[in-house]
Amino acid sequence: MSNLEAFDLTGKTALITGGNTGIGLGIAKGLARSGAKVAIHGRDETKLTQACKEIADMGGEAIAAPFDLEDNESLPAAYAQVSERLGGVDVLVNNAGMQCRGRADQIALNDFNRILKVNLTAPYVLSQCYARERIAEGKEGSLILIASLMSEASRPTTSPYTATKGAIRQLVKAFAVDWADFGIRVNGIGPGYIQTGMTQPLLDKPDFDAWVKQRTPLGRWGQPQDFEGAATFLASNASRFITGQIIYVDGGWLATF
């Protein structure tokens, strides 16, 4: 196998949660460009339709997978349905997440629990579903979890998000150790400051925009397409001896921390 062939995902399938916008869509496009058939999860039907169209327009194949990550109890059935439609899930990318800003003493318990359900419990349950299916079928796999700069550091007013992303960092290690015997590799991608719909309010603040650019060695905000390569690398045989690791796509932000 040549170096380039190792990145080929032709004939593979992938489920990307939160894949209808932002970083998730960037990842979905990257996997599709490498030949994978992708299932794009999201709750907004309009955004799902548009995301699938964008992938089809670039020559890829995508299906919409609408389900609610907050309803943790329903996730096994939702995963099974997506897997059946795809003919099995070769790569799972737990990307979807949410933020709730406020000083730690002012965060309502309901808000904290909601973030926990989406950012931590849902990836845990879906990863279980994925591993159980791969193990039962005797198939290897690649599981990718989306971490964050907040897996390593923190910023004011982000305590619930920081708590969940710190846990994701450790889950990458725990899953990697538990499932290595079955050939299931588990790795993470940690975004830096990326221009998406969720971060646009921050980018619109001139002082914060200037701080991000000054604080990031490469001098700019990241873009969703910056994740295509990292995701393809971790999903493919090119990373076949890598597990339990997080690749930070952050323009060097953590290097100066």
C-alpha atoms as a PDB file:
ATOM      1  CA  MET A   1       0.000   0.000   0.000  1.00  0.00           C
ATOM      2  CA  SER A   2       1.367   3.428  -0.987  1.00  0.00           C
ATOM      3  CA  ASN A   3       1.369   6.363   1.383  1.00  0.00           C
ATOM      4  CA  LEU A   4      -1.579   7.966  -0.379  1.00  0.00           C
ATOM      5  CA  GLU A   5      -3.557   4.717  -0.512  1.00  0.00           C
ATOM      6  CA  ALA A   6      -3.372   4.535   3.281  1.00  0.00           C
ATOM      7  CA  PHE A   7      -5.649   7.589   3.456  1.00  0.00           C
ATOM      8  CA  ASP A   8      -8.277   6.068   1.138  1.00  0.00           C
ATOM      9  CA  LEU A   9     -11.700   5.520   2.732  1.00  0.00           C
ATOM     10  CA  THR A  10     -13.428   4.097  -0.323  1.00  0.00           C
ATOM     11  CA  GLY A  11     -16.061   1.578   0.736  1.00  0.00           C
ATOM     12  CA  LYS A  12     -16.054   2.834   4.338  1.00  0.00           C
ATOM     13  CA  THR A  13     -18.920   4.468   6.192  1.00  0.00           C
ATOM     14  CA  ALA A  14     -18.934   7.172   8.844  1.00  0.00           C
ATOM     15  CA  LEU A  15     -21.415   8.768  11.241  1.00  0.00           C
ATOM     16  CA  ILE A  16     -20.638  12.344  12.273  1.00  0.00           C
ATOM     17  CA  THR A  17     -22.731  13.898  15.036  1.00  0.00           C
ATOM     18  CA  GLY A  18     -23.337  17.592  14.592  1.00  0.00           C
ATOM     19  CA  GLY A  19     -22.192  17.157  11.020  1.00  0.00           C
ATOM     20  CA  ASN A  20     -24.581  19.611   9.429  1.00  0.00           C
ATOM     21  CA  THR A  21     -22.576  22.772  10.224  1.00  0.00           C
ATOM     22  CA  GLY A  22     -19.184  24.066  11.288  1.00  0.00           C
ATOM     23  CA  ILE A  23     -16.413  21.689  12.283  1.00  0.00           C
ATOM     24  CA  GLY A  24     -18.660  18.643  11.885  1.00  0.00           C
ATOM     25  CA  LEU A  25     -19.457  19.517   8.290  1.00  0.00           C
ATOM     26  CA  GLY A  26     -15.765  20.134   7.613  1.00  0.00           C
ATOM     27  CA  ILE A  27     -15.006  16.652   8.933  1.00  0.00           C
ATOM     28  CA  ALA A  28     -17.859  15.090   6.961  1.00  0.00           C
ATOM     29  CA  LYS A  29     -16.583  16.693   3.759  1.00  0.00           C
ATOM     30  CA  GLY A  30     -13.060  15.470   4.409  1.00  0.00           C
ATOM     31  CA  LEU A  31     -14.168  11.885   4.948  1.00  0.00           C
ATOM     32  CA  ALA A  32     -16.433  12.051   1.895  1.00  0.00           C
ATOM     33  CA  ARG A  33     -13.604  13.406  -0.280  1.00  0.00           C
ATOM     34  CA  SER A  34     -11.568  10.358   0.726  1.00  0.00           C
ATOM     35  CA  GLY A  35     -14.341   8.030  -0.413  1.00  0.00           C
ATOM     36  CA  ALA A  36     -16.463   7.371   2.683  1.00  0.00           C
ATOM     37  CA  LYS A  37     -20.236   7.338   2.666  1.00  0.00           C
ATOM     38  CA  VAL A  38     -21.256   9.631   5.505  1.00  0.00           C
ATOM     39  CA  ALA A  39     -24.288   9.891   7.745  1.00  0.00           C
ATOM     40  CA  ILE A  40     -24.717  13.450   8.954  1.00  0.00           C
ATOM     41  CA  HIS A  41     -26.464  13.891  12.278  1.00  0.00           C
ATOM     42  CA  GLY A  42     -28.335  17.020  13.325  1.00  0.00           C
ATOM     43  CA  ARG A  43     -31.724  18.247  14.480  1.00  0.00           C
ATOM     44  CA  ASP A  44     -32.316  21.025  11.933  1.00  0.00           C
ATOM     45  CA  GLU A  45     -33.836  19.431   8.846  1.00  0.00           C
ATOM     46  CA  THR A  46     -33.012  22.422   6.632  1.00  0.00           C
ATOM     47  CA  LYS A  47     -29.339  22.390   7.618  1.00  0.00           C
ATOM     48  CA  LEU A  48     -29.188  18.613   7.191  1.00  0.00           C
ATOM     49  CA  THR A  49     -30.610  18.840   3.686  1.00  0.00           C
ATOM     50  CA  GLN A  50     -28.154  21.583   2.758  1.00  0.00           C
ATOM     51  CA  ALA A  51     -25.171  19.689   4.199  1.00  0.00           C
ATOM     52  CA  CYS A  52     -26.067  16.519   2.275  1.00  0.00           C
ATOM     53  CA  LYS A  53     -26.458  18.584  -0.899  1.00  0.00           C
ATOM     54  CA  GLU A  54     -23.032  20.179  -0.442  1.00  0.00           C
ATOM     55  CA  ILE A  55     -21.438  16.756  -0.136  1.00  0.00           C
ATOM     56  CA  ALA A  56     -23.369  15.427  -3.142  1.00  0.00           C
ATOM     57  CA  ASP A  57     -22.319  18.480  -5.178  1.00  0.00           C
ATOM     58  CA  MET A  58     -18.647  17.654  -4.546  1.00  0.00           C
ATOM     59  CA  GLY A  59     -19.202  14.062  -5.675  1.00  0.00           C
ATOM     60  CA  GLY A  60     -19.661  12.444  -2.259  1.00  0.00           C
ATOM     61  CA  GLU A  61     -22.463  10.391  -0.763  1.00  0.00           C
ATOM     62  CA  ALA A  62     -24.325  11.467   2.367  1.00  0.00           C
ATOM     63  CA  ILE A  63     -27.514  10.625   4.217  1.00  0.00           C
ATOM     64  CA  ALA A  64     -29.301  12.663   6.885  1.00  0.00           C
ATOM     65  CA  ALA A  65     -29.529  11.239  10.398  1.00  0.00           C
ATOM     66  CA  PRO A  66     -31.840  13.377  12.548  1.00  0.00           C
ATOM     67  CA  PHE A  67     -32.029  12.453  16.232  1.00  0.00           C
ATOM     68  CA  ASP A  68     -31.856  14.200  19.603  1.00  0.00           C
ATOM     69  CA  LEU A  69     -28.621  13.826  21.589  1.00  0.00           C
ATOM     70  CA  GLU A  70     -30.295  15.161  24.738  1.00  0.00           C
ATOM     71  CA  ASP A  71     -32.566  12.118  24.801  1.00  0.00           C
ATOM     72  CA  ASN A  72     -29.790   9.799  25.934  1.00  0.00           C
ATOM     73  CA  GLU A  73     -32.104   6.814  26.415  1.00  0.00           C
ATOM     74  CA  SER A  74     -33.142   6.866  22.748  1.00  0.00           C
ATOM     75  CA  LEU A  75     -29.588   6.872  21.364  1.00  0.00           C
ATOM     76  CA  PRO A  76     -29.058   3.095  21.040  1.00  0.00           C
ATOM     77  CA  ALA A  77     -32.151   2.807  18.842  1.00  0.00           C
ATOM     78  CA  ALA A  78     -31.118   5.855  16.807  1.00  0.00           C
ATOM     79  CA  TYR A  79     -27.621   4.464  16.308  1.00  0.00           C
ATOM     80  CA  ALA A  80     -28.981   1.079  15.237  1.00  0.00           C
ATOM     81  CA  GLN A  81     -31.202   2.733  12.651  1.00  0.00           C
ATOM     82  CA  VAL A  82     -28.327   4.745  11.172  1.00  0.00           C
ATOM     83  CA  SER A  83     -26.060   1.700  11.137  1.00  0.00           C
ATOM     84  CA  GLU A  84     -28.683  -0.329   9.297  1.00  0.00           C
ATOM     85  CA  ARG A  85     -29.076   2.385   6.661  1.00  0.00           C
ATOM     86  CA  LEU A  86     -25.309   2.606   6.167  1.00  0.00           C
ATOM     87  CA  GLY A  87     -24.704  -1.129   6.238  1.00  0.00           C
ATOM     88  CA  GLY A  88     -22.610  -0.691   9.391  1.00  0.00           C
ATOM     89  CA  VAL A  89     -20.594   2.201  10.813  1.00  0.00           C
ATOM     90  CA  ASP A  90     -16.846   1.940  10.154  1.00  0.00           C
ATOM     91  CA  VAL A  91     -15.965   5.338  11.655  1.00  0.00           C
ATOM     92  CA  LEU A  92     -17.800   7.213  14.395  1.00  0.00           C
ATOM     93  CA  VAL A  93     -17.071  10.897  14.992  1.00  0.00           C
ATOM     94  CA  ASN A  94     -18.580  12.299  18.191  1.00  0.00           C
ATOM     95  CA  ASN A  95     -18.465  15.967  17.256  1.00  0.00           C
ATOM     96  CA  ALA A  96     -21.706  17.600  18.439  1.00  0.00           C
ATOM     97  CA  GLY A  97     -21.467  19.864  21.446  1.00  0.00           C
ATOM     98  CA  MET A  98     -23.005  22.895  23.083  1.00  0.00           C
ATOM     99  CA  GLN A  99     -21.884  25.797  25.243  1.00  0.00           C
ATOM    100  CA  CYS A 100     -23.483  27.685  28.127  1.00  0.00           C
ATOM    101  CA  ARG A 101     -21.693  30.811  29.308  1.00  0.00           C
ATOM    102  CA  GLY A 102     -21.832  32.270  32.773  1.00  0.00           C
ATOM    103  CA  ARG A 103     -19.783  32.590  35.937  1.00  0.00           C
ATOM    104  CA  ALA A 104     -19.575  29.218  37.660  1.00  0.00           C
ATOM    105  CA  ASP A 105     -21.636  30.242  40.698  1.00  0.00           C
ATOM    106  CA  GLN A 106     -24.409  31.507  38.416  1.00  0.00           C
ATOM    107  CA  ILE A 107     -24.902  28.440  36.213  1.00  0.00           C
ATOM    108  CA  ALA A 108     -28.306  26.787  36.709  1.00  0.00           C
ATOM    109  CA  LEU A 109     -28.265  23.053  37.386  1.00  0.00           C
ATOM    110  CA  ASN A 110     -30.607  22.441  34.460  1.00  0.00           C
ATOM    111  CA  ASP A 111     -28.148  24.141  32.099  1.00  0.00           C
ATOM    112  CA  PHE A 112     -25.241  22.142  33.494  1.00  0.00           C
ATOM    113  CA  ASN A 113     -27.147  18.869  33.113  1.00  0.00           C
ATOM    114  CA  ARG A 114     -28.152  19.720  29.551  1.00  0.00           C
ATOM    115  CA  ILE A 115     -24.530  20.297  28.536  1.00  0.00           C
ATOM    116  CA  LEU A 116     -23.548  17.076  30.288  1.00  0.00           C
ATOM    117  CA  LYS A 117     -26.143  15.126  28.280  1.00  0.00           C
ATOM    118  CA  VAL A 118     -25.012  16.481  24.913  1.00  0.00           C
ATOM    119  CA  ASN A 119     -21.265  16.877  25.384  1.00  0.00           C
ATOM    120  CA  LEU A 120     -20.450  13.832  27.502  1.00  0.00           C
ATOM    121  CA  THR A 121     -23.238  11.310  28.033  1.00  0.00           C
ATOM    122  CA  ALA A 122     -24.272  11.182  24.370  1.00  0.00           C
ATOM    123  CA  PRO A 123     -20.702  10.531  23.121  1.00  0.00           C
ATOM    124  CA  TYR A 124     -20.312   7.876  25.807  1.00  0.00           C
ATOM    125  CA  VAL A 125     -23.506   6.058  24.816  1.00  0.00           C
ATOM    126  CA  LEU A 126     -22.868   6.292  21.079  1.00  0.00           C
ATOM    127  CA  SER A 127     -19.298   5.062  21.564  1.00  0.00           C
ATOM    128  CA  GLN A 128     -20.655   2.074  23.490  1.00  0.00           C
ATOM    129  CA  CYS A 129     -23.062   1.324  20.648  1.00  0.00           C
ATOM    130  CA  TYR A 130     -20.257   1.570  18.112  1.00  0.00           C
ATOM    131  CA  ALA A 131     -17.851  -0.624  20.080  1.00  0.00           C
ATOM    132  CA  ARG A 132     -20.463  -3.276  20.832  1.00  0.00           C
ATOM    133  CA  GLU A 133     -21.330  -3.537  17.141  1.00  0.00           C
ATOM    134  CA  ARG A 134     -17.707  -3.731  15.993  1.00  0.00           C
ATOM    135  CA  ILE A 135     -16.787  -6.269  18.664  1.00  0.00           C
ATOM    136  CA  ALA A 136     -19.811  -8.454  17.907  1.00  0.00           C
ATOM    137  CA  GLU A 137     -18.930  -8.460  14.205  1.00  0.00           C
ATOM    138  CA  GLY A 138     -15.211  -8.974  14.801  1.00  0.00           C
ATOM    139  CA  LYS A 139     -14.318  -5.779  12.974  1.00  0.00           C
ATOM    140  CA  GLU A 140     -11.696  -3.163  13.745  1.00  0.00           C
ATOM    141  CA  GLY A 141     -12.622   0.496  13.759  1.00  0.00           C
ATOM    142  CA  SER A 142     -11.743   4.120  14.317  1.00  0.00           C
ATOM    143  CA  LEU A 143     -13.554   6.225  16.898  1.00  0.00           C
ATOM    144  CA  ILE A 144     -12.925   9.977  16.994  1.00  0.00           C
ATOM    145  CA  LEU A 145     -14.022  12.278  19.798  1.00  0.00           C
ATOM    146  CA  ILE A 146     -13.900  16.050  19.539  1.00  0.00           C
ATOM    147  CA  ALA A 147     -12.044  17.585  22.439  1.00  0.00           C
ATOM    148  CA  SER A 148     -11.189  21.282  22.857  1.00  0.00           C
ATOM    149  CA  LEU A 149      -8.592  23.733  24.046  1.00  0.00           C
ATOM    150  CA  MET A 150     -10.734  23.572  27.175  1.00  0.00           C
ATOM    151  CA  SER A 151      -9.604  19.966  27.579  1.00  0.00           C
ATOM    152  CA  GLU A 152      -6.243  21.418  28.585  1.00  0.00           C
ATOM    153  CA  ALA A 153      -6.975  24.959  29.765  1.00  0.00           C
ATOM    154  CA  SER A 154      -9.938  27.128  30.702  1.00  0.00           C
ATOM    155  CA  ARG A 155     -11.430  30.521  30.066  1.00  0.00           C
ATOM    156  CA  PRO A 156     -13.842  32.546  32.223  1.00  0.00           C
ATOM    157  CA  THR A 157     -17.551  31.633  32.019  1.00  0.00           C
ATOM    158  CA  THR A 158     -16.984  28.165  30.491  1.00  0.00           C
ATOM    159  CA  SER A 159     -17.069  25.829  33.519  1.00  0.00           C
ATOM    160  CA  PRO A 160     -19.738  23.327  32.302  1.00  0.00           C
ATOM    161  CA  TYR A 161     -18.138  23.107  28.848  1.00  0.00           C
ATOM    162  CA  THR A 162     -14.650  22.830  30.325  1.00  0.00           C
ATOM    163  CA  ALA A 163     -15.781  20.026  32.639  1.00  0.00           C
ATOM    164  CA  THR A 164     -17.183  17.982  29.752  1.00  0.00           C
ATOM    165  CA  LYS A 165     -14.218  18.551  27.452  1.00  0.00           C
ATOM    166  CA  GLY A 166     -11.795  17.618  30.201  1.00  0.00           C
ATOM    167  CA  ALA A 167     -13.747  14.387  30.553  1.00  0.00           C
ATOM    168  CA  ILE A 168     -13.591  13.790  26.792  1.00  0.00           C
ATOM    169  CA  ARG A 169      -9.798  14.013  26.984  1.00  0.00           C
ATOM    170  CA  GLN A 170      -9.759  11.224  29.536  1.00  0.00           C
ATOM    171  CA  LEU A 171     -12.371   9.154  27.709  1.00  0.00           C
ATOM    172  CA  VAL A 172     -10.108   9.063  24.657  1.00  0.00           C
ATOM    173  CA  LYS A 173      -7.527   7.325  26.830  1.00  0.00           C
ATOM    174  CA  ALA A 174     -10.001   5.069  28.662  1.00  0.00           C
ATOM    175  CA  PHE A 175     -11.745   3.898  25.491  1.00  0.00           C
ATOM    176  CA  ALA A 176      -8.415   3.370  23.731  1.00  0.00           C
ATOM    177  CA  VAL A 177      -7.244   1.071  26.517  1.00  0.00           C
ATOM    178  CA  ASP A 178     -10.534  -0.838  26.832  1.00  0.00           C
ATOM    179  CA  TRP A 179     -10.981  -1.526  23.137  1.00  0.00           C
ATOM    180  CA  ALA A 180      -7.424  -1.922  21.855  1.00  0.00           C
ATOM    181  CA  ASP A 181      -7.671  -5.730  22.011  1.00  0.00           C
ATOM    182  CA  PHE A 182     -10.460  -5.534  19.433  1.00  0.00           C
ATOM    183  CA  GLY A 183      -8.575  -3.326  16.996  1.00  0.00           C
ATOM    184  CA  ILE A 184     -10.723  -0.284  17.757  1.00  0.00           C
ATOM    185  CA  ARG A 185      -8.550   2.804  17.756  1.00  0.00           C
ATOM    186  CA  VAL A 186      -9.764   5.826  19.715  1.00  0.00           C
ATOM    187  CA  ASN A 187      -8.385   9.301  19.170  1.00  0.00           C
ATOM    188  CA  GLY A 188      -9.453  12.894  19.548  1.00  0.00           C
ATOM    189  CA  ILE A 189      -9.280  16.168  17.691  1.00  0.00           C
ATOM    190  CA  GLY A 190      -8.997  19.360  19.733  1.00  0.00           C
ATOM    191  CA  PRO A 191     -10.144  22.497  17.918  1.00  0.00           C
ATOM    192  CA  GLY A 192      -8.665  25.873  18.691  1.00  0.00           C
ATOM    193  CA  TYR A 193     -10.602  29.045  17.971  1.00  0.00           C
ATOM    194  CA  ILE A 194     -12.562  28.194  14.847  1.00  0.00           C
ATOM    195  CA  GLN A 195     -14.882  30.451  12.875  1.00  0.00           C
ATOM    196  CA  THR A 196     -18.306  28.799  13.057  1.00  0.00           C
ATOM    197  CA  GLY A 197     -21.860  29.879  13.735  1.00  0.00           C
ATOM    198  CA  MET A 198     -21.355  29.144  17.439  1.00  0.00           C
ATOM    199  CA  THR A 199     -18.241  31.336  17.699  1.00  0.00           C
ATOM    200  CA  GLN A 200     -19.354  34.152  15.391  1.00  0.00           C
ATOM    201  CA  PRO A 201     -20.541  36.344  18.321  1.00  0.00           C
ATOM    202  CA  LEU A 202     -16.986  36.161  19.717  1.00  0.00           C
ATOM    203  CA  LEU A 203     -15.418  36.937  16.357  1.00  0.00           C
ATOM    204  CA  ASP A 204     -17.722  39.961  16.044  1.00  0.00           C
ATOM    205  CA  LYS A 205     -16.128  41.495  19.150  1.00  0.00           C
ATOM    206  CA  PRO A 206     -13.099  43.461  17.863  1.00  0.00           C
ATOM    207  CA  ASP A 207     -11.107  43.110  21.089  1.00  0.00           C
ATOM    208  CA  PHE A 208     -11.662  39.362  21.311  1.00  0.00           C
ATOM    209  CA  ASP A 209     -10.968  38.866  17.616  1.00  0.00           C
ATOM    210  CA  ALA A 210      -7.682  40.720  18.031  1.00  0.00           C
ATOM    211  CA  TRP A 211      -6.798  38.682  21.128  1.00  0.00           C
ATOM    212  CA  VAL A 212      -7.367  35.365  19.317  1.00  0.00           C
ATOM    213  CA  LYS A 213      -5.202  36.412  16.381  1.00  0.00           C
ATOM    214  CA  GLN A 214      -2.457  37.699  18.673  1.00  0.00           C
ATOM    215  CA  ARG A 215      -2.614  34.649  20.943  1.00  0.00           C
ATOM    216  CA  THR A 216      -2.548  32.132  18.070  1.00  0.00           C
ATOM    217  CA  PRO A 217       0.934  31.728  16.538  1.00  0.00           C
ATOM    218  CA  LEU A 218      -0.459  31.231  13.029  1.00  0.00           C
ATOM    219  CA  GLY A 219      -2.265  34.549  13.470  1.00  0.00           C
ATOM    220  CA  ARG A 220      -5.806  33.659  12.445  1.00  0.00           C
ATOM    221  CA  TRP A 221      -9.002  31.862  13.373  1.00  0.00           C
ATOM    222  CA  GLY A 222      -9.303  28.301  12.106  1.00  0.00           C
ATOM    223  CA  GLN A 223     -11.828  27.277   9.464  1.00  0.00           C
ATOM    224  CA  PRO A 224     -13.972  24.103   9.301  1.00  0.00           C
ATOM    225  CA  GLN A 225     -11.983  22.876   6.295  1.00  0.00           C
ATOM    226  CA  ASP A 226      -8.867  22.816   8.482  1.00  0.00           C
ATOM    227  CA  PHE A 227     -10.230  19.599  10.009  1.00  0.00           C
ATOM    228  CA  GLU A 228     -10.527  17.584   6.821  1.00  0.00           C
ATOM    229  CA  GLY A 229      -6.964  16.304   6.918  1.00  0.00           C
ATOM    230  CA  ALA A 230      -6.799  15.446  10.615  1.00  0.00           C
ATOM    231  CA  ALA A 231     -10.102  13.567  10.512  1.00  0.00           C
ATOM    232  CA  THR A 232      -9.158  11.625   7.383  1.00  0.00           C
ATOM    233  CA  PHE A 233      -5.789  10.730   8.908  1.00  0.00           C
ATOM    234  CA  LEU A 234      -7.340   9.386  12.127  1.00  0.00           C
ATOM    235  CA  ALA A 235     -10.151   7.576  10.311  1.00  0.00           C
ATOM    236  CA  SER A 236      -7.843   5.817   7.858  1.00  0.00           C
ATOM    237  CA  ASN A 237      -5.089   3.202   7.901  1.00  0.00           C
ATOM    238  CA  ALA A 238      -2.558   6.029   7.770  1.00  0.00           C
ATOM    239  CA  SER A 239      -2.914   6.187  11.584  1.00  0.00           C
ATOM    240  CA  ARG A 240      -3.183   2.455  12.160  1.00  0.00           C
ATOM    241  CA  PHE A 241      -0.690   2.464  15.090  1.00  0.00           C
ATOM    242  CA  ILE A 242      -2.088   5.575  16.784  1.00  0.00           C
ATOM    243  CA  THR A 243      -4.611   5.343  19.602  1.00  0.00           C
ATOM    244  CA  GLY A 244      -5.330   7.267  22.786  1.00  0.00           C
ATOM    245  CA  GLN A 245      -4.063  10.549  21.311  1.00  0.00           C
ATOM    246  CA  ILE A 246      -5.489  14.001  20.682  1.00  0.00           C
ATOM    247  CA  ILE A 247      -4.425  16.121  17.714  1.00  0.00           C
ATOM    248  CA  TYR A 248      -4.915  19.812  18.447  1.00  0.00           C
ATOM    249  CA  VAL A 249      -5.911  21.784  15.367  1.00  0.00           C
ATOM    250  CA  ASP A 250      -5.330  25.131  17.039  1.00  0.00           C
ATOM    251  CA  GLY A 251      -2.819  27.131  15.045  1.00  0.00           C
ATOM    252  CA  GLY A 252      -0.284  26.649  17.823  1.00  0.00           C
ATOM    253  CA  TRP A 253      -2.444  28.131  20.610  1.00  0.00           C
ATOM    254  CA  LEU A 254      -1.508  25.486  23.188  1.00  0.00           C
ATOM    255  CA  ALA A 255       2.170  25.650  22.315  1.00  0.00           C
ATOM    256  CA  THR A 256       2.395  29.065  23.966  1.00  0.00           C
ATOM    257  CA  PHE A 257       0.168  28.255  26.949  1.00  0.00           C
END
